[in-house]
C-alpha cells in the first residue's frame, strides 16, 4: 500500500506538487503469508507433548526410581488390623501384649494411627 504525502506534510523540502510515495508494510514481519491451519498447530502440539513425555519417561527409568526390592533388608512390612465395632485402642493394645506394658502399646498405636479409631478402619500395628 502506498501513501502520498504533499510537501506540507513532509519534513524534507520537496518541490511543490510532487507526490511522495512511502511504502507501508515494507518490513518482512508485516508481509502477509498464508496462515497455517488448525491441524498444523494441533500436529505440532501432539509432537511436542510426545517428545516431552519421552524425555520425562527416559529420565524416570534411567534415574533408578523404579523399586528393585519390595522392602529393604532389615525392615519388615507393616502389620494391619481392621477395627471391629466396640474396639478401643486400649482393648487392641491389651490383645497385642496381654502380659506386657499396655500403656506403651497404646502410645505406639496412637503415634501410628491417631487417637481416634472407627469401625472398619484399617490401623497399623507395631
N, C-alpha and C. Protein backbone atom coordinates (compact mmCIF):
# COMPACT_ATOMS: atom_id res chain seq x y z
N UNK A 1 0.85 -1.17 0.00
CA UNK A 1 0.00 0.00 0.00
C UNK A 1 0.89 1.23 0.00
N UNK A 2 0.57 2.15 -0.80
CA UNK A 2 1.37 3.37 -0.92
C UNK A 2 0.58 4.54 -0.40
N UNK A 3 1.29 5.47 0.17
CA UNK A 3 0.66 6.67 0.71
C UNK A 3 1.38 7.88 0.13
N UNK A 4 0.61 8.80 -0.35
CA UNK A 4 1.22 10.00 -0.92
C UNK A 4 1.21 11.11 0.11
N UNK A 5 2.34 11.79 0.17
CA UNK A 5 2.44 12.94 1.07
C UNK A 5 2.66 14.19 0.23
N UNK A 6 2.07 15.24 0.63
CA UNK A 6 2.31 16.52 -0.04
C UNK A 6 3.49 17.17 0.64
N UNK A 7 4.14 18.11 0.03
CA UNK A 7 5.29 18.75 0.64
C UNK A 7 4.98 19.38 1.99
N UNK A 8 3.75 19.80 2.25
CA UNK A 8 3.43 20.40 3.53
C UNK A 8 3.51 19.36 4.66
N UNK A 9 3.26 18.08 4.33
CA UNK A 9 3.28 17.04 5.34
C UNK A 9 4.67 16.47 5.54
N UNK A 10 5.56 16.65 4.58
CA UNK A 10 6.88 16.06 4.64
C UNK A 10 7.84 16.98 5.36
N UNK A 11 8.73 16.41 6.20
CA UNK A 11 9.70 17.24 6.88
C UNK A 11 10.82 17.71 5.95
N UNK A 12 11.00 17.05 4.82
CA UNK A 12 12.05 17.45 3.89
C UNK A 12 11.47 18.41 2.84
N UNK A 13 12.34 19.17 2.26
CA UNK A 13 11.85 20.09 1.23
C UNK A 13 11.70 19.34 -0.09
N UNK A 14 10.52 19.38 -0.62
CA UNK A 14 10.21 18.70 -1.89
C UNK A 14 9.56 19.75 -2.78
N UNK A 15 9.75 19.59 -4.07
CA UNK A 15 9.14 20.55 -4.98
C UNK A 15 7.63 20.50 -4.84
N UNK A 16 7.05 21.66 -4.98
CA UNK A 16 5.62 21.77 -4.79
C UNK A 16 4.89 20.99 -5.87
N UNK A 17 3.91 20.17 -5.43
CA UNK A 17 3.10 19.42 -6.37
C UNK A 17 3.66 18.05 -6.71
N UNK A 18 4.87 17.71 -6.21
CA UNK A 18 5.43 16.40 -6.49
C UNK A 18 4.97 15.43 -5.39
N UNK A 19 4.24 14.39 -5.73
CA UNK A 19 3.80 13.44 -4.69
C UNK A 19 4.98 12.58 -4.22
N UNK A 20 4.94 12.23 -2.98
CA UNK A 20 5.99 11.42 -2.40
C UNK A 20 5.37 10.08 -1.99
N UNK A 21 5.97 9.00 -2.41
CA UNK A 21 5.41 7.67 -2.12
C UNK A 21 6.20 7.02 -0.98
N UNK A 22 5.49 6.51 -0.02
CA UNK A 22 6.10 5.79 1.09
C UNK A 22 5.44 4.41 1.13
N UNK A 23 6.24 3.37 1.17
CA UNK A 23 5.70 2.01 1.19
C UNK A 23 5.40 1.63 2.63
N UNK A 24 4.14 1.39 2.91
CA UNK A 24 3.76 0.89 4.22
C UNK A 24 3.88 -0.63 4.18
N UNK A 25 4.17 -1.25 5.27
CA UNK A 25 4.33 -2.70 5.38
C UNK A 25 5.53 -3.19 4.57
N UNK A 26 6.61 -2.44 4.57
CA UNK A 26 7.77 -2.88 3.82
C UNK A 26 8.65 -3.84 4.63
N UNK A 27 8.45 -3.89 5.93
CA UNK A 27 9.25 -4.78 6.77
C UNK A 27 8.79 -6.23 6.57
N UNK A 28 9.71 -7.21 6.57
CA UNK A 28 9.32 -8.60 6.32
C UNK A 28 8.30 -9.15 7.31
N UNK A 29 8.30 -8.64 8.54
CA UNK A 29 7.35 -9.18 9.52
C UNK A 29 5.93 -8.72 9.23
N UNK A 30 5.75 -7.69 8.41
CA UNK A 30 4.43 -7.20 8.07
C UNK A 30 3.85 -7.87 6.83
N UNK A 31 4.64 -8.65 6.16
CA UNK A 31 4.16 -9.28 4.93
C UNK A 31 3.10 -10.31 5.27
N UNK A 32 2.11 -10.36 4.45
CA UNK A 32 1.05 -11.35 4.67
C UNK A 32 1.45 -12.65 3.99
N UNK A 33 1.31 -13.73 4.73
CA UNK A 33 1.58 -15.06 4.19
C UNK A 33 0.36 -15.91 4.45
N UNK A 34 0.32 -17.05 3.85
CA UNK A 34 -0.80 -17.95 4.06
C UNK A 34 -0.77 -18.44 5.50
N UNK A 35 -1.89 -18.36 6.16
CA UNK A 35 -1.96 -18.81 7.55
C UNK A 35 -1.98 -20.32 7.60
N UNK A 36 -1.34 -20.86 8.63
CA UNK A 36 -1.34 -22.31 8.80
C UNK A 36 -2.67 -22.74 9.40
N UNK A 37 -3.07 -23.92 9.06
CA UNK A 37 -4.36 -24.41 9.51
C UNK A 37 -4.29 -24.87 10.96
N UNK A 38 -5.45 -25.06 11.54
CA UNK A 38 -5.54 -25.55 12.91
C UNK A 38 -4.91 -26.94 13.02
N UNK A 39 -5.06 -27.75 11.99
CA UNK A 39 -4.49 -29.11 12.01
C UNK A 39 -2.97 -29.06 12.14
N UNK A 40 -2.34 -28.09 11.50
CA UNK A 40 -0.88 -27.97 11.59
C UNK A 40 -0.46 -27.67 13.02
N UNK A 41 -1.13 -26.73 13.67
CA UNK A 41 -0.81 -26.40 15.05
C UNK A 41 -1.10 -27.59 15.98
N UNK A 42 -2.20 -28.29 15.70
CA UNK A 42 -2.55 -29.45 16.52
C UNK A 42 -1.48 -30.53 16.40
N UNK A 43 -1.00 -30.82 15.19
CA UNK A 43 0.05 -31.83 14.99
C UNK A 43 1.32 -31.41 15.71
N UNK A 44 1.67 -30.15 15.65
CA UNK A 44 2.88 -29.68 16.32
C UNK A 44 2.77 -29.86 17.83
N UNK A 45 1.61 -29.57 18.38
CA UNK A 45 1.42 -29.74 19.82
C UNK A 45 1.50 -31.21 20.22
N UNK A 46 0.91 -32.09 19.42
CA UNK A 46 0.96 -33.52 19.72
C UNK A 46 2.41 -34.01 19.70
N UNK A 47 3.17 -33.58 18.72
CA UNK A 47 4.58 -33.99 18.64
C UNK A 47 5.35 -33.44 19.84
N UNK A 48 5.08 -32.22 20.23
CA UNK A 48 5.77 -31.63 21.39
C UNK A 48 5.44 -32.39 22.68
N UNK A 49 4.17 -32.71 22.89
CA UNK A 49 3.78 -33.44 24.09
C UNK A 49 4.41 -34.83 24.09
N UNK A 50 4.45 -35.50 22.95
CA UNK A 50 5.07 -36.82 22.87
C UNK A 50 6.56 -36.74 23.17
N UNK A 51 7.22 -35.73 22.67
CA UNK A 51 8.66 -35.58 22.92
C UNK A 51 8.93 -35.33 24.41
N UNK A 52 8.14 -34.49 25.03
CA UNK A 52 8.32 -34.21 26.46
C UNK A 52 8.05 -35.47 27.27
N UNK A 53 7.03 -36.25 26.90
CA UNK A 53 6.73 -37.49 27.62
C UNK A 53 7.88 -38.48 27.48
N UNK A 54 8.48 -38.56 26.31
CA UNK A 54 9.62 -39.46 26.12
C UNK A 54 10.81 -39.04 26.98
N UNK A 55 11.08 -37.76 27.02
CA UNK A 55 12.21 -37.27 27.82
C UNK A 55 11.97 -37.53 29.30
N UNK A 56 10.78 -37.23 29.79
CA UNK A 56 10.48 -37.46 31.20
C UNK A 56 10.46 -38.94 31.53
N UNK A 57 9.91 -39.76 30.65
CA UNK A 57 9.90 -41.20 30.87
C UNK A 57 11.30 -41.77 30.89
N UNK A 58 12.14 -41.32 29.98
CA UNK A 58 13.53 -41.78 29.97
C UNK A 58 14.27 -41.36 31.22
N UNK A 59 14.02 -40.16 31.68
CA UNK A 59 14.68 -39.68 32.90
C UNK A 59 14.21 -40.50 34.11
N UNK A 60 12.95 -40.87 34.13
CA UNK A 60 12.42 -41.65 35.25
C UNK A 60 13.04 -43.03 35.29
N UNK A 61 13.12 -43.71 34.17
CA UNK A 61 13.62 -45.08 34.16
C UNK A 61 15.14 -45.16 34.28
N UNK A 62 15.85 -44.14 33.87
CA UNK A 62 17.30 -44.20 33.99
C UNK A 62 17.80 -43.67 35.32
N UNK A 63 16.93 -43.02 36.09
CA UNK A 63 17.38 -42.46 37.37
C UNK A 63 17.33 -43.47 38.50
N UNK A 64 16.85 -44.66 38.25
CA UNK A 64 16.77 -45.66 39.29
C UNK A 64 15.59 -45.45 40.21
N UNK A 65 14.55 -44.78 39.73
CA UNK A 65 13.39 -44.52 40.55
C UNK A 65 12.49 -45.76 40.67
N UNK A 66 12.76 -46.77 39.90
CA UNK A 66 11.97 -47.99 39.95
C UNK A 66 12.49 -48.86 41.09
N UNK A 67 11.60 -49.31 41.92
CA UNK A 67 12.00 -50.12 43.07
C UNK A 67 12.43 -51.51 42.59
N UNK A 68 13.56 -51.97 43.08
CA UNK A 68 14.05 -53.28 42.71
C UNK A 68 13.59 -54.34 43.71
N UNK A 69 13.48 -53.97 44.98
CA UNK A 69 13.03 -54.88 46.00
C UNK A 69 11.77 -54.30 46.64
N UNK A 70 10.90 -55.19 47.09
CA UNK A 70 9.66 -54.69 47.69
C UNK A 70 9.92 -53.99 49.02
N UNK A 71 10.80 -54.55 49.85
CA UNK A 71 11.17 -53.90 51.11
C UNK A 71 12.67 -54.02 51.31
N UNK A 72 13.31 -52.99 51.81
CA UNK A 72 14.74 -53.07 52.09
C UNK A 72 15.02 -54.11 53.18
N UNK A 73 16.24 -54.59 53.21
CA UNK A 73 16.60 -55.57 54.22
C UNK A 73 16.55 -54.96 55.61
N UNK A 74 16.08 -55.74 56.56
CA UNK A 74 16.04 -55.27 57.93
C UNK A 74 14.77 -54.54 58.30
N UNK A 75 13.93 -54.21 57.32
CA UNK A 75 12.68 -53.50 57.59
C UNK A 75 11.53 -54.45 57.25
N UNK A 76 10.65 -54.68 58.21
CA UNK A 76 9.53 -55.58 57.97
C UNK A 76 8.35 -54.79 57.41
N UNK A 77 7.47 -55.49 56.74
CA UNK A 77 6.27 -54.84 56.22
C UNK A 77 5.34 -54.53 57.38
N UNK A 78 4.59 -53.44 57.32
CA UNK A 78 3.72 -53.10 58.43
C UNK A 78 2.55 -54.08 58.54
N UNK A 79 2.18 -54.39 59.76
CA UNK A 79 1.04 -55.25 60.02
C UNK A 79 -0.18 -54.38 60.24
N UNK A 80 -1.32 -54.89 59.81
CA UNK A 80 -2.54 -54.10 59.94
C UNK A 80 -3.61 -54.91 60.67
N UNK A 81 -4.62 -54.19 61.11
CA UNK A 81 -5.74 -54.80 61.82
C UNK A 81 -6.97 -53.97 61.48
N UNK A 82 -8.07 -54.64 61.19
CA UNK A 82 -9.32 -53.94 60.91
C UNK A 82 -10.10 -53.79 62.22
N UNK A 83 -10.51 -52.57 62.51
CA UNK A 83 -11.20 -52.28 63.76
C UNK A 83 -12.63 -52.80 63.68
N UNK A 84 -13.03 -53.55 64.69
CA UNK A 84 -14.40 -54.08 64.79
C UNK A 84 -15.24 -53.13 65.63
N UNK A 85 -16.56 -53.18 65.50
CA UNK A 85 -17.41 -52.34 66.36
C UNK A 85 -17.17 -52.67 67.83
N UNK A 86 -16.99 -51.65 68.64
CA UNK A 86 -16.76 -51.82 70.08
C UNK A 86 -15.29 -51.89 70.46
N UNK A 87 -14.38 -51.93 69.47
CA UNK A 87 -12.95 -51.96 69.77
C UNK A 87 -12.48 -50.60 70.28
N UNK A 88 -11.53 -50.63 71.18
CA UNK A 88 -10.86 -49.41 71.67
C UNK A 88 -9.36 -49.60 71.51
N UNK A 89 -8.63 -48.51 71.55
CA UNK A 89 -7.18 -48.61 71.46
C UNK A 89 -6.63 -49.41 72.64
N UNK A 90 -7.22 -49.21 73.81
CA UNK A 90 -6.78 -49.94 74.99
C UNK A 90 -7.04 -51.44 74.83
N UNK A 91 -8.21 -51.81 74.32
CA UNK A 91 -8.54 -53.21 74.13
C UNK A 91 -7.64 -53.88 73.09
N UNK A 92 -7.35 -53.16 71.99
CA UNK A 92 -6.46 -53.69 70.96
C UNK A 92 -5.06 -53.87 71.53
N UNK A 93 -4.58 -52.89 72.28
CA UNK A 93 -3.24 -52.98 72.88
C UNK A 93 -3.18 -54.14 73.87
N UNK A 94 -4.25 -54.38 74.63
CA UNK A 94 -4.27 -55.48 75.59
C UNK A 94 -4.25 -56.84 74.88
N UNK A 95 -4.92 -56.94 73.70
CA UNK A 95 -4.87 -58.19 72.92
C UNK A 95 -3.50 -58.42 72.33
N UNK A 96 -2.78 -57.34 71.95
CA UNK A 96 -1.46 -57.49 71.33
C UNK A 96 -0.40 -57.88 72.35
N UNK A 97 -0.43 -57.29 73.54
CA UNK A 97 0.56 -57.60 74.60
C UNK A 97 -0.19 -57.88 75.90
N UNK A 98 -0.73 -59.10 76.07
CA UNK A 98 -1.54 -59.35 77.26
C UNK A 98 -0.73 -59.30 78.55
N UNK A 99 0.54 -59.64 78.51
CA UNK A 99 1.35 -59.63 79.74
C UNK A 99 2.39 -58.51 79.74
N UNK A 100 2.35 -57.63 78.73
CA UNK A 100 3.36 -56.58 78.63
C UNK A 100 2.83 -55.24 79.09
N UNK A 101 3.55 -54.20 78.69
CA UNK A 101 3.19 -52.83 79.06
C UNK A 101 2.13 -52.32 78.08
N UNK A 102 0.88 -52.34 78.51
CA UNK A 102 -0.24 -51.95 77.65
C UNK A 102 -0.19 -50.46 77.34
N UNK A 103 0.22 -49.66 78.32
CA UNK A 103 0.28 -48.20 78.12
C UNK A 103 1.26 -47.84 77.01
N UNK A 104 2.41 -48.48 76.96
CA UNK A 104 3.38 -48.21 75.90
C UNK A 104 2.83 -48.61 74.54
N UNK A 105 2.08 -49.73 74.48
CA UNK A 105 1.49 -50.16 73.22
C UNK A 105 0.42 -49.18 72.76
N UNK A 106 -0.39 -48.66 73.69
CA UNK A 106 -1.40 -47.66 73.33
C UNK A 106 -0.71 -46.42 72.76
N UNK A 107 0.39 -46.00 73.38
CA UNK A 107 1.13 -44.84 72.88
C UNK A 107 1.63 -45.08 71.46
N UNK A 108 2.12 -46.29 71.17
CA UNK A 108 2.59 -46.60 69.81
C UNK A 108 1.44 -46.61 68.82
N UNK A 109 0.30 -47.16 69.21
CA UNK A 109 -0.87 -47.17 68.33
C UNK A 109 -1.35 -45.75 68.02
N UNK A 110 -1.35 -44.90 69.03
CA UNK A 110 -1.75 -43.50 68.83
C UNK A 110 -0.75 -42.81 67.90
N UNK A 111 0.52 -43.09 68.08
CA UNK A 111 1.55 -42.48 67.23
C UNK A 111 1.38 -42.92 65.77
N UNK A 112 1.03 -44.18 65.55
CA UNK A 112 0.89 -44.68 64.18
C UNK A 112 -0.43 -44.31 63.52
N UNK A 113 -1.52 -44.22 64.30
CA UNK A 113 -2.85 -44.11 63.70
C UNK A 113 -3.68 -42.92 64.17
N UNK A 114 -3.21 -42.17 65.11
CA UNK A 114 -4.02 -41.09 65.65
C UNK A 114 -4.75 -41.57 66.89
N UNK A 115 -5.47 -40.65 67.54
CA UNK A 115 -6.08 -41.00 68.82
C UNK A 115 -7.53 -41.46 68.71
N UNK A 116 -8.08 -41.50 67.51
CA UNK A 116 -9.46 -41.96 67.33
C UNK A 116 -9.48 -43.07 66.29
N UNK A 117 -10.29 -44.11 66.56
CA UNK A 117 -10.46 -45.18 65.59
C UNK A 117 -11.95 -45.38 65.36
N UNK A 118 -12.29 -45.93 64.20
CA UNK A 118 -13.68 -46.13 63.82
C UNK A 118 -13.86 -47.55 63.31
N UNK A 119 -15.04 -48.14 63.48
CA UNK A 119 -15.28 -49.50 62.98
C UNK A 119 -15.04 -49.56 61.46
N UNK A 120 -14.32 -50.59 61.04
CA UNK A 120 -14.00 -50.76 59.63
C UNK A 120 -12.68 -50.12 59.22
N UNK A 121 -12.11 -49.31 60.08
CA UNK A 121 -10.84 -48.65 59.79
C UNK A 121 -9.70 -49.66 59.86
N UNK A 122 -8.77 -49.58 58.93
CA UNK A 122 -7.58 -50.43 58.95
C UNK A 122 -6.48 -49.65 59.64
N UNK A 123 -5.99 -50.17 60.77
CA UNK A 123 -4.95 -49.47 61.51
C UNK A 123 -3.66 -50.27 61.44
N UNK A 124 -2.56 -49.56 61.55
CA UNK A 124 -1.25 -50.22 61.57
C UNK A 124 -0.91 -50.59 63.00
N UNK A 125 -0.32 -51.75 63.14
CA UNK A 125 0.10 -52.19 64.47
C UNK A 125 1.61 -52.43 64.43
N UNK A 126 2.31 -52.12 65.52
CA UNK A 126 3.76 -52.30 65.52
C UNK A 126 4.15 -53.77 65.64
